[in-house]
Structures are given as C-alpha cells and as structure tokens.
Protein backbone atom coordinates (compact mmCIF):
# COMPACT_ATOMS: atom_id res chain seq x y z
CA MET A 1 58.24 -47.36 -39.86
CA PHE A 2 56.17 -45.01 -42.35
CA ILE A 3 53.33 -46.44 -40.81
CA PHE A 4 54.39 -45.59 -37.26
CA ILE A 5 54.97 -41.73 -38.42
CA ILE A 6 51.48 -41.43 -39.84
CA TYR A 7 49.52 -43.11 -36.64
CA SER A 8 51.61 -40.80 -34.05
CA ILE A 9 50.41 -37.64 -36.23
CA ILE A 10 47.09 -38.86 -36.25
CA LEU A 11 47.28 -39.50 -32.71
CA ILE A 12 48.82 -36.22 -31.75
CA ILE A 13 46.29 -34.48 -34.01
CA ASN A 14 43.09 -36.14 -32.16
CA ALA A 15 44.70 -35.09 -28.72
CA LEU A 16 45.23 -31.45 -29.70
CA VAL A 17 41.22 -31.82 -31.05
CA PHE A 18 39.91 -33.34 -28.18
CA SER A 19 42.23 -30.58 -25.73
CA VAL A 20 40.57 -27.47 -27.58
CA ALA A 21 37.32 -29.59 -26.79
CA VAL A 22 37.59 -29.90 -23.50
CA TYR A 23 38.96 -26.05 -23.41
CA THR A 24 36.11 -24.44 -25.04
CA ASN A 25 33.37 -26.85 -23.40
CA THR A 26 32.46 -28.38 -27.42
CA ASP A 27 31.86 -31.65 -28.31
CA PRO A 28 34.82 -33.25 -29.90
CA PHE A 29 33.34 -34.70 -32.56
CA ASP A 30 32.01 -31.28 -34.01
CA TYR A 31 35.50 -30.88 -35.40
CA TYR A 32 35.32 -34.14 -37.32
CA ASP A 33 31.92 -33.06 -38.90
CA TYR A 34 32.17 -31.31 -42.09
CA ARG A 35 28.78 -29.86 -42.16
CA ARG A 36 29.47 -27.98 -38.76
CA TRP A 37 32.74 -26.30 -39.92
CA LYS A 38 31.14 -23.37 -40.48
CA SER A 39 29.49 -22.68 -36.80
CA PHE A 40 33.09 -23.67 -36.32
CA ILE A 41 34.35 -21.10 -37.67
CA SER A 42 32.08 -18.38 -36.39
CA PHE A 43 32.48 -19.59 -33.14
CA LEU A 44 36.56 -18.82 -33.63
CA ALA A 45 36.11 -15.84 -34.88
CA LYS A 46 34.06 -14.40 -32.14
CA LYS A 47 36.65 -15.47 -29.53
CA TRP A 48 39.36 -13.87 -31.76
CA LEU A 49 37.39 -10.56 -31.98
CA VAL A 50 36.89 -10.74 -28.14
CA TYR A 51 40.87 -11.69 -27.91
CA ALA A 52 41.68 -9.15 -30.28
CA GLY A 53 39.55 -6.04 -28.43
CA GLU A 54 37.17 -5.45 -31.09
CA ILE A 55 33.88 -6.92 -28.71
CA LYS A 56 33.63 -6.91 -25.15
CA ARG A 57 32.94 -9.98 -23.57
CA GLY A 58 28.94 -10.37 -23.57
CA GLU A 59 28.59 -8.47 -26.44
CA GLU A 60 26.22 -9.40 -29.22
CA VAL A 61 27.64 -10.93 -32.15
CA ARG A 62 25.70 -11.66 -35.09
CA VAL A 63 26.20 -13.20 -38.33
CA LEU A 64 25.03 -11.18 -41.74
CA THR A 65 21.94 -12.65 -43.28
CA LYS A 66 21.82 -13.68 -46.52
CA SER A 67 20.20 -10.18 -48.12
CA GLU A 68 23.32 -8.06 -46.27
CA LEU A 69 25.98 -10.43 -47.78
CA ILE A 70 24.53 -10.16 -51.09
CA GLN A 71 23.95 -6.73 -51.17
CA TYR A 72 27.41 -6.18 -49.77
CA GLY A 73 28.98 -8.71 -52.18
CA TYR A 74 27.04 -6.32 -54.79
CA ARG A 75 28.84 -3.17 -53.29
CA PHE A 76 32.14 -4.14 -53.34
CA ALA A 77 32.07 -5.82 -57.10
CA LYS A 78 30.78 -2.16 -58.12
CA CYS A 79 33.16 -0.19 -56.40
CA TYR A 80 35.62 -2.62 -56.08
CA LYS A 81 38.66 0.14 -57.47
CA CYS A 82 37.75 3.04 -55.15
CA ILE A 83 37.54 0.26 -52.08
CA ILE A 84 41.31 -0.77 -52.84
CA SER A 85 42.29 2.75 -53.34
CA GLY A 86 40.37 3.55 -50.20
CA THR A 87 39.08 6.66 -51.56
CA CYS A 88 35.94 7.25 -53.99
CA LYS A 89 37.34 8.20 -57.45
CA ASN A 90 34.54 10.47 -57.77
CA CYS A 91 33.43 12.27 -54.99
CA GLY A 92 37.30 11.63 -52.77
CA CYS A 93 34.77 10.43 -49.77
CA ASN A 94 35.97 7.04 -47.39
CA ALA A 95 34.93 4.23 -49.50
CA VAL A 96 35.29 1.91 -47.12
CA GLY A 97 32.92 3.73 -45.00
CA ARG A 98 30.42 4.67 -47.86
CA VAL A 99 29.83 0.61 -48.96
CA ASN A 100 29.97 -0.18 -44.83
CA ASN A 101 27.18 1.74 -44.15
CA LYS A 102 23.85 0.94 -45.42
CA GLN A 103 21.93 4.32 -45.46
CA ASP A 104 24.51 5.67 -47.94
CA SER A 105 24.92 5.57 -51.72
CA CYS A 106 27.28 5.79 -54.30
CA SER A 107 27.98 9.08 -56.24
CA LEU A 108 28.11 7.84 -59.00
CA ASP A 109 24.93 5.65 -58.63
CA LYS A 110 26.72 2.13 -58.36
CA PHE A 111 24.34 0.81 -55.66
CA GLY A 112 21.65 2.68 -53.58
CA THR A 113 20.98 2.47 -49.50
CA PHE A 114 20.04 -1.00 -48.01
CA LEU A 115 16.95 -2.72 -49.83
CA ASN A 116 15.03 -4.75 -47.55
CA GLU A 117 14.44 -8.47 -47.82
CA THR A 118 11.16 -8.49 -50.04
CA GLU A 119 12.37 -5.68 -52.06
CA LEU A 120 15.72 -7.28 -52.67
CA TYR A 121 14.30 -10.80 -53.32
CA LYS A 122 12.05 -8.89 -56.03
CA LEU A 123 14.98 -7.51 -57.77
CA ILE A 124 16.69 -11.30 -57.65
CA GLU A 125 13.38 -12.38 -59.42
CA GLU A 126 13.71 -9.74 -62.25
CA GLY A 127 16.87 -11.08 -63.20
CA ILE A 128 19.19 -7.66 -62.06
CA PHE A 129 22.54 -9.82 -60.87
CA ASP A 130 22.52 -11.92 -63.50
CA ASN A 131 24.45 -10.76 -65.62
CA LEU A 132 26.70 -9.00 -62.75
CA GLU A 133 30.86 -10.65 -62.44
CA ILE A 134 33.04 -10.33 -59.91
CA THR A 135 36.39 -10.72 -60.76
CA VAL A 136 39.13 -9.99 -57.89
CA LYS A 137 42.44 -9.18 -59.11
CA GLU A 138 45.58 -7.94 -57.04
C-alpha cells in the first residue's frame, strides 16, 4: 500500500512537470537535470517579473555579470546595517538606492563607484577580498 502511494505521488509530480513543460514550451527533462536549474530559476524569475508588472513583455532582462555580483555583494557586506535600516548612518541618504547605483560611492568611503572587470580582477589578485567576511543575522 505504501509503495502504491509513493508511485502515485511520483506519477502526479511527473504529470505536473510535463504539463508545465508543455505550457512553457520547454523540454520536460530539463526539470530533472540539476545542471539546468539555474537557467530554469532565471526563466521563472523573468516570468514572475512580467506577471508582477515589473517589466514589460519583450523588454530585455539580463542576469548580473560575475563582476557585478562581486561588487554588489561587497557593497551589501560593507553597508549591511545601513541597508537594513534603509538610511545611511552617516549622511541619512537612501542606502538601498546608493548601493544599487553603480556611479555612487559611500559617504564613509566603504565603497566607491563600480570598477570595470580588469580593475576588479586586479584587486582580487592583490588579495583585497581575502579578509572579507559576510555574516547576515536577523
């Protein structure tokens, strides 16, 4: 009886996967391949952004580059308290807006404007990020 229930659940999950694959016009076996989950999650995120009205249909949506991810992560780690509170502890500006603007820098000199890829990788080779610890507590 227990095995019958397990097989039934597996059949239902497979039916759902194939239904979603038909609806989204994708290959159903992509849902089972662990290497393709990143692209699948990106696909779902883009669909959600269109559904939520954040972007218009046909508008270009791009994924952040490795350089952007490193720099946004660095900014978040350096100004975590300000971002959580919403305003900068030093100057009172909108901390989230300042962190998201590539041309802005921190009033406490915790981060500067975005670097291009060659400048960033030069700093990485120099070991500037070696002692950076990111700890997020709520």
